[in-house]
Amino acid sequence: MTQLTTTNRQGFAPATMGEAMEFSKMLAESSMVPRAYQGKPQDIMVCVQWGYELGLAPMQALQNIAVINGKPSVYGDAMMALVQASPVCEGIDEHIENEGTPNPVAVCIAKRKGRNPVIARFSVEDAKRAGLWGKQGPWQAYPKRMLQMRARGFALRDAFPDVLKGLITAEEAADFPEEAKPRERDVTPAKPANPLDAIVPPPSLPEPELEPEPLPEPIEIELIHVDSLNDSAESAEQVAELVVLGDWPLMVPGKEQPFSVHAS
């Protein structure tokens, strides 16, 4: 069995990947960890890694880091502890203004060394605009505390983003709407607006091959040289038609009257 290494008086801390996996499996089987991590060694391992980057011991990370509505977050008290433990923090001041009026305001002043203080305010009017005031749950049971947590989260995140590594308060994450699962894409083809469009056209038939038109029957043409003509060949009974092409006449049978054409 893998042995865990004792690094300080705060408890055990895994030093290798094998130790981290064994540590996560052991904690996942325990009822002493938050219910959200029971039976989930992978989530425990990620949480411990988050805590390592923030400066939290493994058990502190499991108690103070949560994934709410799909967003990693840290509880407001742990956020304050992380900031106050940082050497760049000069001090944090929190108070309530206009207490006893219809619009009390929670104020948080975050002082960082070498910089101007960051002041964040969150009032009842702000909570109403966000749809939080009177919301079932902590906003009904502890409204002043919720105003304080919202102002604290804004101020500390603006003044110490390097310390908080982008995490928001768990109180703020709980007010975000739960992320909806992506809907499956409907691949059913849409019905056509015109019912006739749904009729599948018949397959196109190949065009029939047209037989070429028969060529006209050739005309027999006899070439006769002019000098070879005699008196008897010029008679209408023997020569139907003479076409003179240059000094070569063309005789076309079947013509009643002879004629001649000279080519240019």
Protein backbone atom coordinates (compact mmCIF):
# COMPACT_ATOMS: atom_id res chain seq x y z
CA MET A 1 0.00 0.00 0.00
CA THR A 2 1.25 3.48 -0.87
CA GLN A 3 2.48 5.49 2.10
CA LEU A 4 1.56 9.16 2.41
CA THR A 5 4.24 11.66 3.24
CA THR A 6 3.91 13.94 6.24
CA THR A 7 5.07 17.38 5.13
CA ASN A 8 3.96 19.55 8.07
CA ARG A 9 1.87 19.52 11.23
CA GLN A 10 -1.30 20.32 9.29
CA GLY A 11 -1.72 16.73 8.11
CA PHE A 12 -0.87 14.52 5.20
CA ALA A 13 -0.10 15.90 1.76
CA PRO A 14 0.46 13.66 -1.28
CA ALA A 15 3.87 14.22 -2.84
CA THR A 16 3.54 12.04 -5.97
CA MET A 17 0.79 11.18 -8.43
CA GLY A 18 0.49 7.71 -6.99
CA GLU A 19 0.08 9.11 -3.48
CA ALA A 20 -2.51 11.60 -4.73
CA MET A 21 -4.59 8.85 -6.35
CA GLU A 22 -4.42 6.63 -3.28
CA PHE A 23 -5.24 9.60 -1.05
CA SER A 24 -8.26 10.54 -3.21
CA LYS A 25 -9.62 6.97 -3.23
CA MET A 26 -9.30 6.74 0.55
CA LEU A 27 -11.12 10.04 1.13
CA ALA A 28 -13.85 9.18 -1.39
CA GLU A 29 -14.79 6.17 0.77
CA SER A 30 -15.01 8.26 3.94
CA SER A 31 -18.14 9.90 5.33
CA MET A 32 -16.04 12.71 6.83
CA VAL A 33 -15.67 14.56 3.53
CA PRO A 34 -18.51 16.70 2.14
CA ARG A 35 -21.24 14.68 0.49
CA ALA A 36 -20.49 16.20 -2.92
CA TYR A 37 -17.07 14.45 -2.86
CA GLN A 38 -18.11 11.07 -1.48
CA GLY A 39 -17.51 8.30 -3.98
CA LYS A 40 -15.78 10.70 -6.41
CA PRO A 41 -12.00 10.30 -6.17
CA GLN A 42 -11.47 12.25 -9.42
CA ASP A 43 -13.28 15.29 -8.04
CA ILE A 44 -11.30 15.04 -4.81
CA MET A 45 -8.03 14.98 -6.72
CA VAL A 46 -9.00 18.09 -8.71
CA CYS A 47 -10.11 19.86 -5.55
CA VAL A 48 -6.84 19.06 -3.79
CA GLN A 49 -4.96 20.44 -6.79
CA TRP A 50 -7.01 23.65 -6.63
CA GLY A 51 -6.20 23.93 -2.95
CA TYR A 52 -2.51 23.40 -3.63
CA GLU A 53 -2.50 26.32 -6.08
CA LEU A 54 -4.38 28.53 -3.63
CA GLY A 55 -2.30 27.58 -0.59
CA LEU A 56 -4.91 25.40 1.15
CA ALA A 57 -4.08 22.06 2.74
CA PRO A 58 -5.98 19.07 1.25
CA MET A 59 -8.65 18.88 3.97
CA GLN A 60 -9.07 22.66 3.94
CA ALA A 61 -9.60 22.52 0.18
CA LEU A 62 -12.26 19.82 0.49
CA GLN A 63 -14.13 21.86 3.08
CA ASN A 64 -13.95 25.20 1.29
CA ILE A 65 -13.82 24.59 -2.48
CA ALA A 66 -17.00 23.61 -4.26
CA VAL A 67 -18.30 23.40 -7.80
CA ILE A 68 -21.70 25.09 -7.81
CA ASN A 69 -23.78 25.38 -10.96
CA GLY A 70 -20.76 24.35 -12.98
CA LYS A 71 -18.45 27.03 -11.51
CA PRO A 72 -15.47 26.33 -9.18
CA SER A 73 -15.81 28.55 -6.13
CA VAL A 74 -14.56 29.09 -2.60
CA TYR A 75 -16.64 29.99 0.43
CA GLY A 76 -16.51 33.62 1.50
CA ASP A 77 -14.76 32.94 4.83
CA ALA A 78 -12.02 30.92 3.10
CA MET A 79 -11.60 33.71 0.54
CA MET A 80 -11.02 36.19 3.35
CA ALA A 81 -8.49 33.85 4.99
CA LEU A 82 -6.55 33.41 1.74
CA VAL A 83 -6.33 37.15 1.15
CA GLN A 84 -5.35 38.01 4.71
CA ALA A 85 -2.61 35.37 4.62
CA SER A 86 -1.11 36.95 1.50
CA PRO A 87 1.90 39.25 2.05
CA VAL A 88 0.41 41.82 -0.35
CA CYS A 89 -2.68 42.34 1.81
CA GLU A 90 -2.62 45.44 3.99
CA GLY A 91 -6.04 45.06 5.51
CA ILE A 92 -9.77 44.44 4.89
CA ASP A 93 -12.56 46.62 6.27
CA GLU A 94 -16.25 45.61 6.14
CA HIS A 95 -19.32 47.43 7.44
CA ILE A 96 -22.98 48.19 6.71
CA GLU A 97 -24.13 51.66 5.70
CA ASN A 98 -27.68 53.04 6.07
CA GLU A 99 -28.54 50.29 8.52
CA GLY A 100 -32.13 50.59 9.73
CA THR A 101 -33.30 52.10 6.41
CA PRO A 102 -35.15 50.40 3.55
CA ASN A 103 -31.89 50.32 1.56
CA PRO A 104 -28.91 49.18 3.69
CA VAL A 105 -25.60 48.87 1.85
CA ALA A 106 -22.82 46.36 2.53
CA VAL A 107 -19.36 47.88 2.03
CA CYS A 108 -16.01 46.12 1.70
CA ILE A 109 -12.70 48.02 1.46
CA ALA A 110 -9.75 45.93 0.31
CA LYS A 111 -6.33 47.47 0.89
CA ARG A 112 -3.38 46.17 -1.06
CA LYS A 113 0.16 47.33 -0.45
CA GLY A 114 1.30 49.99 -2.87
CA ARG A 115 -2.15 50.51 -4.42
CA ASN A 116 -5.28 52.52 -3.81
CA PRO A 117 -7.99 50.75 -1.79
CA VAL A 118 -10.68 48.90 -3.72
CA ILE A 119 -14.17 49.73 -2.44
CA ALA A 120 -17.18 47.57 -3.32
CA ARG A 121 -20.79 48.22 -2.29
CA PHE A 122 -23.85 46.00 -2.61
CA SER A 123 -27.23 47.34 -1.53
CA VAL A 124 -30.74 46.02 -1.18
CA GLU A 125 -31.61 47.84 -4.39
CA ASP A 126 -28.76 46.00 -6.12
CA ALA A 127 -30.12 42.69 -4.82
CA LYS A 128 -33.61 43.55 -6.08
CA ARG A 129 -32.33 44.40 -9.55
CA ALA A 130 -30.50 41.08 -9.66
CA GLY A 131 -33.62 39.21 -8.56
CA LEU A 132 -31.99 38.09 -5.31
CA TRP A 133 -33.84 39.98 -2.59
CA GLY A 134 -36.43 37.71 -1.00
CA LYS A 135 -35.17 34.70 -2.93
CA GLN A 136 -35.91 31.45 -1.15
CA GLY A 137 -32.94 30.19 0.86
CA PRO A 138 -30.10 32.20 2.45
CA TRP A 139 -31.41 35.48 1.01
CA GLN A 140 -34.52 35.08 3.13
CA ALA A 141 -32.78 33.60 6.19
CA TYR A 142 -29.62 35.76 6.28
CA PRO A 143 -30.12 38.81 4.03
CA LYS A 144 -27.49 40.97 5.74
CA ARG A 145 -24.91 38.19 5.53
CA MET A 146 -25.62 37.70 1.85
CA LEU A 147 -25.16 41.40 1.16
CA GLN A 148 -21.83 41.24 2.97
CA MET A 149 -20.64 38.19 0.99
CA ARG A 150 -21.51 39.81 -2.33
CA ALA A 151 -19.63 43.04 -1.51
CA ARG A 152 -16.69 41.03 -0.17
CA GLY A 153 -16.45 38.89 -3.27
CA PHE A 154 -16.40 41.90 -5.59
CA ALA A 155 -13.76 43.78 -3.59
CA LEU A 156 -11.38 40.86 -3.00
CA ARG A 157 -11.54 39.63 -6.57
CA ASP A 158 -10.75 43.10 -7.90
CA ALA A 159 -7.92 43.75 -5.45
CA PHE A 160 -6.34 40.27 -5.27
CA PRO A 161 -6.97 38.38 -8.53
CA ASP A 162 -3.52 36.78 -8.35
CA VAL A 163 -4.26 35.36 -4.91
CA LEU A 164 -7.70 33.95 -5.74
CA LYS A 165 -6.74 32.51 -9.17
CA GLY A 166 -10.09 33.52 -10.68
CA LEU A 167 -12.31 31.77 -8.12
CA ILE A 168 -15.55 33.44 -7.04
CA THR A 169 -17.38 33.06 -3.75
CA ALA A 170 -19.59 30.02 -3.36
CA GLU A 171 -22.37 32.35 -2.21
CA GLU A 172 -22.22 34.17 -5.54
CA ALA A 173 -21.94 30.96 -7.57
CA ALA A 174 -25.11 29.64 -5.94
CA ASP A 175 -27.05 32.58 -7.41
CA PHE A 176 -26.06 31.78 -10.97
CA PRO A 177 -28.64 29.79 -12.97
CA GLU A 178 -27.73 26.16 -13.43
CA GLU A 179 -26.10 25.48 -16.76
CA ALA A 180 -28.51 23.73 -19.07
CA LYS A 181 -27.38 20.61 -20.85
CA PRO A 182 -26.99 21.05 -24.60
CA ARG A 183 -30.04 19.83 -26.44
CA GLU A 184 -29.69 16.99 -28.88
CA ARG A 185 -29.85 18.11 -32.46
CA ASP A 186 -33.04 17.16 -34.26
CA VAL A 187 -32.08 15.53 -37.53
CA THR A 188 -35.67 14.83 -38.64
CA PRO A 189 -36.21 16.47 -42.05
CA ALA A 190 -38.66 19.33 -41.96
CA LYS A 191 -42.05 18.82 -43.58
CA PRO A 192 -42.44 20.76 -46.84
CA ALA A 193 -44.91 23.63 -46.85
CA ASN A 194 -46.37 22.44 -50.15
CA PRO A 195 -47.47 18.75 -50.11
CA LEU A 196 -46.48 18.48 -53.76
CA ASP A 197 -42.86 19.15 -52.77
CA ALA A 198 -42.85 15.85 -50.91
CA ILE A 199 -43.52 13.88 -54.10
CA VAL A 200 -40.34 12.24 -55.24
CA PRO A 201 -39.82 12.94 -58.95
CA PRO A 202 -39.41 9.86 -61.20
CA PRO A 203 -35.91 9.00 -62.23
CA SER A 204 -34.83 10.73 -65.39
CA LEU A 205 -34.70 8.47 -68.43
CA PRO A 206 -31.88 8.68 -70.94
CA GLU A 207 -32.76 10.57 -74.08
CA PRO A 208 -33.31 8.29 -77.08
CA GLU A 209 -30.66 8.37 -79.75
CA LEU A 210 -32.02 9.98 -82.89
CA GLU A 211 -31.22 8.27 -86.18
CA PRO A 212 -29.48 10.60 -88.61
CA GLU A 213 -31.60 11.83 -91.47
CA PRO A 214 -30.83 10.06 -94.75
CA LEU A 215 -28.70 12.04 -97.14
CA PRO A 216 -30.29 13.03 -100.43
CA GLU A 217 -29.53 10.79 -103.36
CA PRO A 218 -26.47 11.95 -105.22
CA ILE A 219 -26.96 13.60 -108.59
CA GLU A 220 -24.94 12.20 -111.37
CA ILE A 221 -22.95 14.88 -113.13
CA GLU A 222 -21.05 14.23 -116.30
CA LEU A 223 -18.18 16.50 -117.25
CA ILE A 224 -17.81 17.15 -120.94
CA HIS A 225 -15.10 19.27 -122.44
CA VAL A 226 -16.33 21.97 -124.78
CA ASP A 227 -14.15 20.73 -127.63
CA SER A 228 -15.62 17.25 -127.41
CA LEU A 229 -19.17 18.45 -128.00
CA ASN A 230 -20.55 17.70 -131.43
CA ASP A 231 -23.64 18.76 -133.17
CA SER A 232 -25.57 15.73 -132.10
CA ALA A 233 -24.78 16.27 -128.33
CA GLU A 234 -26.30 19.72 -128.38
CA SER A 235 -29.76 18.49 -129.28
CA ALA A 236 -32.37 18.69 -126.57
CA GLU A 237 -33.09 14.97 -126.77
CA GLN A 238 -29.48 14.05 -125.85
CA VAL A 239 -28.50 16.87 -123.46
CA ALA A 240 -30.94 17.89 -120.76
CA GLU A 241 -28.89 20.77 -119.41
CA LEU A 242 -25.44 22.25 -119.85
CA VAL A 243 -23.72 24.18 -117.11
CA VAL A 244 -20.49 25.74 -118.32
CA LEU A 245 -17.91 26.10 -115.57
CA GLY A 246 -14.97 27.88 -117.12
CA ASP A 247 -14.37 25.91 -120.29
CA TRP A 248 -15.85 22.72 -118.70
CA PRO A 249 -19.63 22.37 -119.20
CA LEU A 250 -21.69 20.31 -116.71
CA MET A 251 -24.46 18.14 -118.04
CA VAL A 252 -27.20 17.41 -115.49
CA PRO A 253 -29.68 14.76 -116.63
CA GLY A 254 -33.35 15.29 -115.93
CA LYS A 255 -33.57 19.00 -116.77
CA GLU A 256 -35.99 20.04 -119.48
CA GLN A 257 -34.25 23.26 -120.58
CA PRO A 258 -30.50 23.64 -120.92
CA PHE A 259 -28.76 26.56 -119.20
CA SER A 260 -25.19 27.65 -118.63
CA VAL A 261 -23.47 29.39 -115.69
CA HIS A 262 -20.00 30.87 -115.93
CA ALA A 263 -17.94 30.86 -112.72
CA SER A 264 -16.01 34.02 -111.94
